[in-house]
Amino acid sequence: MRLYMLYLGTMHPGDIPVPGYLIQTSDGINILVDTGWPRSFVGKTVNLPGLTVEWASLSLSPAFYE
């Protein structure tokens, strides 16, 4: 099992880092943990490089399920 901390961007004021986490289980399942934004930040401008940038650094890509 592995735990990765992902840099998802920054929020203002003060360039506060926004982390996310990826858990890779021993049986190959990836679990993404996004703690979300506080209500006070909804609608404010943020600097986010994108989650797929972080996934690419781990050689991962999103999967979609219906």
PDB file of N, CA and C in Angstrom:
ATOM      1  N   MET A   1       0.850  -1.171   0.000  1.00  0.00           N
ATOM      2  CA  MET A   1       0.000   0.000   0.000  1.00  0.00           C
ATOM      3  C   MET A   1       0.896   1.235   0.000  1.00  0.00           C
ATOM      4  N   ARG A   2       0.461   2.256  -0.751  1.00  0.00           N
ATOM      5  CA  ARG A   2       1.209   3.517  -0.820  1.00  0.00           C
ATOM      6  C   ARG A   2       0.263   4.695  -0.626  1.00  0.00           C
ATOM      7  N   LEU A   3       0.809   5.763  -0.072  1.00  0.00           N
ATOM      8  CA  LEU A   3       0.072   7.010   0.098  1.00  0.00           C
ATOM      9  C   LEU A   3       0.885   8.119  -0.550  1.00  0.00           C
ATOM     10  N   TYR A   4       0.250   8.858  -1.475  1.00  0.00           N
ATOM     11  CA  TYR A   4       0.893   9.987  -2.134  1.00  0.00           C
ATOM     12  C   TYR A   4       0.161  11.260  -1.745  1.00  0.00           C
ATOM     13  N   MET A   5       0.934  12.314  -1.464  1.00  0.00           N
ATOM     14  CA  MET A   5       0.341  13.632  -1.262  1.00  0.00           C
ATOM     15  C   MET A   5       0.458  14.374  -2.583  1.00  0.00           C
ATOM     16  N   LEU A   6      -0.650  14.939  -3.058  1.00  0.00           N
ATOM     17  CA  LEU A   6      -0.689  15.631  -4.338  1.00  0.00           C
ATOM     18  C   LEU A   6      -0.810  17.133  -4.118  1.00  0.00           C
ATOM     19  N   TYR A   7      -0.094  17.895  -4.914  1.00  0.00           N
ATOM     20  CA  TYR A   7      -0.215  19.352  -4.890  1.00  0.00           C
ATOM     21  C   TYR A   7      -1.274  19.728  -5.913  1.00  0.00           C
ATOM     22  N   LEU A   8      -2.408  20.239  -5.449  1.00  0.00           N
ATOM     23  CA  LEU A   8      -3.508  20.576  -6.347  1.00  0.00           C
ATOM     24  C   LEU A   8      -3.576  22.058  -6.671  1.00  0.00           C
ATOM     25  N   GLY A   9      -2.768  22.869  -6.021  1.00  0.00           N
ATOM     26  CA  GLY A   9      -2.751  24.298  -6.308  1.00  0.00           C
ATOM     27  C   GLY A   9      -2.642  25.107  -5.034  1.00  0.00           C
ATOM     28  N   THR A  10      -3.002  26.390  -5.150  1.00  0.00           N
ATOM     29  CA  THR A  10      -2.977  27.286  -3.996  1.00  0.00           C
ATOM     30  C   THR A  10      -4.261  28.091  -3.953  1.00  0.00           C
ATOM     31  N   MET A  11      -4.616  28.528  -2.772  1.00  0.00           N
ATOM     32  CA  MET A  11      -5.750  29.437  -2.632  1.00  0.00           C
ATOM     33  C   MET A  11      -5.256  30.684  -1.919  1.00  0.00           C
ATOM     34  N   HIS A  12      -5.965  31.750  -2.129  1.00  0.00           N
ATOM     35  CA  HIS A  12      -5.550  33.043  -1.601  1.00  0.00           C
ATOM     36  C   HIS A  12      -6.485  33.462  -0.477  1.00  0.00           C
ATOM     37  N   PRO A  13      -6.084  34.258   0.470  1.00  0.00           N
ATOM     38  CA  PRO A  13      -4.847  35.016   0.498  1.00  0.00           C
ATOM     39  C   PRO A  13      -3.681  34.182   1.018  1.00  0.00           C
ATOM     40  N   GLY A  14      -2.493  34.572   0.642  1.00  0.00           N
ATOM     41  CA  GLY A  14      -1.291  33.978   1.196  1.00  0.00           C
ATOM     42  C   GLY A  14      -0.789  32.721   0.530  1.00  0.00           C
ATOM     43  N   ASP A  15      -1.308  32.365  -0.626  1.00  0.00           N
ATOM     44  CA  ASP A  15      -0.857  31.166  -1.331  1.00  0.00           C
ATOM     45  C   ASP A  15      -0.890  29.919  -0.446  1.00  0.00           C
ATOM     46  N   ILE A  16      -2.039  29.643   0.120  1.00  0.00           N
ATOM     47  CA  ILE A  16      -2.234  28.473   0.975  1.00  0.00           C
ATOM     48  C   ILE A  16      -2.257  27.230   0.093  1.00  0.00           C
ATOM     49  N   PRO A  17      -1.393  26.235   0.357  1.00  0.00           N
ATOM     50  CA  PRO A  17      -1.371  25.043  -0.490  1.00  0.00           C
ATOM     51  C   PRO A  17      -2.651  24.220  -0.359  1.00  0.00           C
ATOM     52  N   VAL A  18      -3.073  23.640  -1.480  1.00  0.00           N
ATOM     53  CA  VAL A  18      -4.256  22.780  -1.511  1.00  0.00           C
ATOM     54  C   VAL A  18      -3.784  21.359  -1.807  1.00  0.00           C
ATOM     55  N   PRO A  19      -3.796  20.472  -0.801  1.00  0.00           N
ATOM     56  CA  PRO A  19      -3.349  19.104  -1.039  1.00  0.00           C
ATOM     57  C   PRO A  19      -4.502  18.171  -1.391  1.00  0.00           C
ATOM     58  N   GLY A  20      -4.146  17.069  -1.966  1.00  0.00           N
ATOM     59  CA  GLY A  20      -5.044  15.942  -2.170  1.00  0.00           C
ATOM     60  C   GLY A  20      -4.215  14.703  -1.882  1.00  0.00           C
ATOM     61  N   TYR A  21      -4.846  13.569  -1.826  1.00  0.00           N
ATOM     62  CA  TYR A  21      -4.124  12.348  -1.492  1.00  0.00           C
ATOM     63  C   TYR A  21      -4.551  11.223  -2.415  1.00  0.00           C
ATOM     64  N   LEU A  22      -3.599  10.375  -2.772  1.00  0.00           N
ATOM     65  CA  LEU A  22      -3.882   9.191  -3.556  1.00  0.00           C
ATOM     66  C   LEU A  22      -3.404   7.992  -2.759  1.00  0.00           C
ATOM     67  N   ILE A  23      -4.309   7.065  -2.522  1.00  0.00           N
ATOM     68  CA  ILE A  23      -3.974   5.819  -1.838  1.00  0.00           C
ATOM     69  C   ILE A  23      -3.965   4.722  -2.890  1.00  0.00           C
ATOM     70  N   GLN A  24      -2.856   4.000  -3.003  1.00  0.00           N
ATOM     71  CA  GLN A  24      -2.779   2.839  -3.882  1.00  0.00           C
ATOM     72  C   GLN A  24      -2.762   1.606  -2.988  1.00  0.00           C
ATOM     73  N   THR A  25      -3.810   0.782  -3.121  1.00  0.00           N
ATOM     74  CA  THR A  25      -3.912  -0.408  -2.287  1.00  0.00           C
ATOM     75  C   THR A  25      -3.026  -1.520  -2.841  1.00  0.00           C
ATOM     76  N   SER A  26      -2.773  -2.518  -2.023  1.00  0.00           N
ATOM     77  CA  SER A  26      -1.918  -3.630  -2.433  1.00  0.00           C
ATOM     78  C   SER A  26      -2.522  -4.450  -3.568  1.00  0.00           C
ATOM     79  N   ASP A  27      -3.846  -4.355  -3.780  1.00  0.00           N
ATOM     80  CA  ASP A  27      -4.471  -5.084  -4.890  1.00  0.00           C
ATOM     81  C   ASP A  27      -4.677  -4.204  -6.124  1.00  0.00           C
ATOM     82  N   GLY A  28      -3.988  -3.044  -6.186  1.00  0.00           N
ATOM     83  CA  GLY A  28      -3.976  -2.222  -7.388  1.00  0.00           C
ATOM     84  C   GLY A  28      -5.098  -1.217  -7.529  1.00  0.00           C
ATOM     85  N   ILE A  29      -5.874  -0.993  -6.494  1.00  0.00           N
ATOM     86  CA  ILE A  29      -6.960  -0.012  -6.545  1.00  0.00           C
ATOM     87  C   ILE A  29      -6.418   1.350  -6.129  1.00  0.00           C
ATOM     88  N   ASN A  30      -6.782   2.390  -6.889  1.00  0.00           N
ATOM     89  CA  ASN A  30      -6.397   3.766  -6.568  1.00  0.00           C
ATOM     90  C   ASN A  30      -7.588   4.490  -5.967  1.00  0.00           C
ATOM     91  N   ILE A  31      -7.373   5.135  -4.829  1.00  0.00           N
ATOM     92  CA  ILE A  31      -8.421   5.883  -4.141  1.00  0.00           C
ATOM     93  C   ILE A  31      -7.961   7.330  -4.019  1.00  0.00           C
ATOM     94  N   LEU A  32      -8.726   8.243  -4.614  1.00  0.00           N
ATOM     95  CA  LEU A  32      -8.408   9.665  -4.563  1.00  0.00           C
ATOM     96  C   LEU A  32      -9.172  10.307  -3.414  1.00  0.00           C
ATOM     97  N   VAL A  33      -8.458  11.054  -2.580  1.00  0.00           N
ATOM     98  CA  VAL A  33      -9.073  11.762  -1.459  1.00  0.00           C
ATOM     99  C   VAL A  33      -8.907  13.257  -1.706  1.00  0.00           C
ATOM    100  N   ASP A  34     -10.037  13.941  -1.878  1.00  0.00           N
ATOM    101  CA  ASP A  34     -10.057  15.391  -2.062  1.00  0.00           C
ATOM    102  C   ASP A  34     -10.863  15.948  -0.902  1.00  0.00           C
ATOM    103  N   THR A  35     -10.216  16.747  -0.061  1.00  0.00           N
ATOM    104  CA  THR A  35     -10.883  17.236   1.145  1.00  0.00           C
ATOM    105  C   THR A  35     -11.859  18.368   0.878  1.00  0.00           C
ATOM    106  N   GLY A  36     -11.849  18.918  -0.338  1.00  0.00           N
ATOM    107  CA  GLY A  36     -12.820  19.948  -0.702  1.00  0.00           C
ATOM    108  C   GLY A  36     -12.416  21.336  -0.243  1.00  0.00           C
ATOM    109  N   TRP A  37     -13.258  22.294  -0.609  1.00  0.00           N
ATOM    110  CA  TRP A  37     -13.034  23.699  -0.287  1.00  0.00           C
ATOM    111  C   TRP A  37     -13.984  24.136   0.825  1.00  0.00           C
ATOM    112  N   PRO A  38     -13.517  25.044   1.695  1.00  0.00           N
ATOM    113  CA  PRO A  38     -14.446  25.616   2.661  1.00  0.00           C
ATOM    114  C   PRO A  38     -15.484  26.476   1.931  1.00  0.00           C
ATOM    115  N   ARG A  39     -16.685  26.561   2.461  1.00  0.00           N
ATOM    116  CA  ARG A  39     -17.747  27.358   1.825  1.00  0.00           C
ATOM    117  C   ARG A  39     -17.321  28.800   1.581  1.00  0.00           C
ATOM    118  N   SER A  40     -16.482  29.338   2.437  1.00  0.00           N
ATOM    119  CA  SER A  40     -16.061  30.736   2.290  1.00  0.00           C
ATOM    120  C   SER A  40     -15.226  30.972   1.028  1.00  0.00           C
ATOM    121  N   PHE A  41     -14.723  29.918   0.385  1.00  0.00           N
ATOM    122  CA  PHE A  41     -13.902  30.065  -0.816  1.00  0.00           C
ATOM    123  C   PHE A  41     -14.678  29.815  -2.103  1.00  0.00           C
ATOM    124  N   VAL A  42     -15.919  29.414  -2.013  1.00  0.00           N
ATOM    125  CA  VAL A  42     -16.714  29.143  -3.208  1.00  0.00           C
ATOM    126  C   VAL A  42     -16.847  30.419  -4.035  1.00  0.00           C
ATOM    127  N   GLY A  43     -16.519  30.335  -5.320  1.00  0.00           N
ATOM    128  CA  GLY A  43     -16.625  31.471  -6.225  1.00  0.00           C
ATOM    129  C   GLY A  43     -15.396  32.356  -6.294  1.00  0.00           C
ATOM    130  N   LYS A  44     -14.395  32.104  -5.469  1.00  0.00           N
ATOM    131  CA  LYS A  44     -13.177  32.906  -5.500  1.00  0.00           C
ATOM    132  C   LYS A  44     -12.187  32.302  -6.492  1.00  0.00           C
ATOM    133  N   THR A  45     -11.317  33.144  -7.022  1.00  0.00           N
ATOM    134  CA  THR A  45     -10.310  32.696  -7.977  1.00  0.00           C
ATOM    135  C   THR A  45      -9.213  31.924  -7.259  1.00  0.00           C
ATOM    136  N   VAL A  46      -8.843  30.789  -7.837  1.00  0.00           N
ATOM    137  CA  VAL A  46      -7.758  29.978  -7.285  1.00  0.00           C
ATOM    138  C   VAL A  46      -6.799  29.602  -8.409  1.00  0.00           C
ATOM    139  N   ASN A  47      -5.579  29.268  -8.040  1.00  0.00           N
ATOM    140  CA  ASN A  47      -4.564  28.846  -8.996  1.00  0.00           C
ATOM    141  C   ASN A  47      -4.400  27.333  -8.878  1.00  0.00           C
ATOM    142  N   LEU A  48      -5.021  26.582  -9.800  1.00  0.00           N
ATOM    143  CA  LEU A  48      -4.955  25.127  -9.760  1.00  0.00           C
ATOM    144  C   LEU A  48      -4.327  24.582 -11.035  1.00  0.00           C
ATOM    145  N   PRO A  49      -3.204  23.870 -10.929  1.00  0.00           N
ATOM    146  CA  PRO A  49      -2.578  23.316 -12.119  1.00  0.00           C
ATOM    147  C   PRO A  49      -3.372  22.156 -12.710  1.00  0.00           C
ATOM    148  N   GLY A  50      -4.245  21.585 -11.940  1.00  0.00           N
ATOM    149  CA  GLY A  50      -5.063  20.489 -12.438  1.00  0.00           C
ATOM    150  C   GLY A  50      -4.641  19.152 -11.859  1.00  0.00           C
ATOM    151  N   LEU A  51      -5.623  18.383 -11.517  1.00  0.00           N
ATOM    152  CA  LEU A  51      -5.376  17.079 -10.928  1.00  0.00           C
ATOM    153  C   LEU A  51      -4.693  16.145 -11.908  1.00  0.00           C
ATOM    154  N   THR A  52      -5.025  16.251 -13.191  1.00  0.00           N
ATOM    155  CA  THR A  52      -4.418  15.351 -14.167  1.00  0.00           C
ATOM    156  C   THR A  52      -2.912  15.574 -14.293  1.00  0.00           C
ATOM    157  N   VAL A  53      -2.431  16.775 -13.986  1.00  0.00           N
ATOM    158  CA  VAL A  53      -0.986  17.029 -13.985  1.00  0.00           C
ATOM    159  C   VAL A  53      -0.320  16.182 -12.905  1.00  0.00           C
ATOM    160  N   GLU A  54      -0.919  16.145 -11.730  1.00  0.00           N
ATOM    161  CA  GLU A  54      -0.376  15.334 -10.641  1.00  0.00           C
ATOM    162  C   GLU A  54      -0.482  13.839 -10.956  1.00  0.00           C
ATOM    163  N   TRP A  55      -1.614  13.420 -11.538  1.00  0.00           N
ATOM    164  CA  TRP A  55      -1.760  12.003 -11.916  1.00  0.00           C
ATOM    165  C   TRP A  55      -0.677  11.598 -12.900  1.00  0.00           C
ATOM    166  N   ALA A  56      -0.398  12.459 -13.870  1.00  0.00           N
ATOM    167  CA  ALA A  56       0.612  12.143 -14.883  1.00  0.00           C
ATOM    168  C   ALA A  56       1.980  11.921 -14.246  1.00  0.00           C
ATOM    169  N   SER A  57       2.284  12.648 -13.184  1.00  0.00           N
ATOM    170  CA  SER A  57       3.573  12.467 -12.511  1.00  0.00           C
ATOM    171  C   SER A  57       3.682  11.088 -11.864  1.00  0.00           C
ATOM    172  N   LEU A  58       2.538  10.423 -11.666  1.00  0.00           N
ATOM    173  CA  LEU A  58       2.503   9.066 -11.106  1.00  0.00           C
ATOM    174  C   LEU A  58       2.179   8.031 -12.180  1.00  0.00           C
ATOM    175  N   SER A  59       2.208   8.451 -13.445  1.00  0.00           N
ATOM    176  CA  SER A  59       1.882   7.581 -14.594  1.00  0.00           C
ATOM    177  C   SER A  59       0.462   7.047 -14.513  1.00  0.00           C
ATOM    178  N   LEU A  60      -0.472   7.897 -14.076  1.00  0.00           N
ATOM    179  CA  LEU A  60      -1.880   7.520 -13.975  1.00  0.00           C
ATOM    180  C   LEU A  60      -2.720   8.408 -14.882  1.00  0.00           C
ATOM    181  N   SER A  61      -3.902   7.942 -15.225  1.00  0.00           N
ATOM    182  CA  SER A  61      -4.878   8.753 -15.950  1.00  0.00           C
ATOM    183  C   SER A  61      -6.248   8.439 -15.374  1.00  0.00           C
ATOM    184  N   PRO A  62      -7.210   9.369 -15.498  1.00  0.00           N
ATOM    185  CA  PRO A  62      -8.534   9.130 -14.915  1.00  0.00           C
ATOM    186  C   PRO A  62      -9.284   8.023 -15.648  1.00  0.00           C
ATOM    187  N   ALA A  63     -10.091   7.302 -14.902  1.00  0.00           N
ATOM    188  CA  ALA A  63     -10.991   6.297 -15.476  1.00  0.00           C
ATOM    189  C   ALA A  63     -12.412   6.772 -15.207  1.00  0.00           C
ATOM    190  N   PHE A  64     -13.294   6.531 -16.141  1.00  0.00           N
ATOM    191  CA  PHE A  64     -14.672   6.982 -15.996  1.00  0.00           C
ATOM    192  C   PHE A  64     -15.599   5.778 -15.957  1.00  0.00           C
ATOM    193  N   TYR A  65     -16.547   5.800 -15.060  1.00  0.00           N
ATOM    194  CA  TYR A  65     -17.510   4.713 -14.901  1.00  0.00           C
ATOM    195  C   TYR A  65     -18.908   5.260 -15.085  1.00  0.00           C
ATOM    196  N   GLU A  66     -19.772   4.455 -15.670  1.00  0.00           N
ATOM    197  CA  GLU A  66     -21.176   4.855 -15.823  1.00  0.00           C
ATOM    198  C   GLU A  66     -22.029   4.071 -14.865  1.00  0.00           C
TER     199      GLU A  66
END
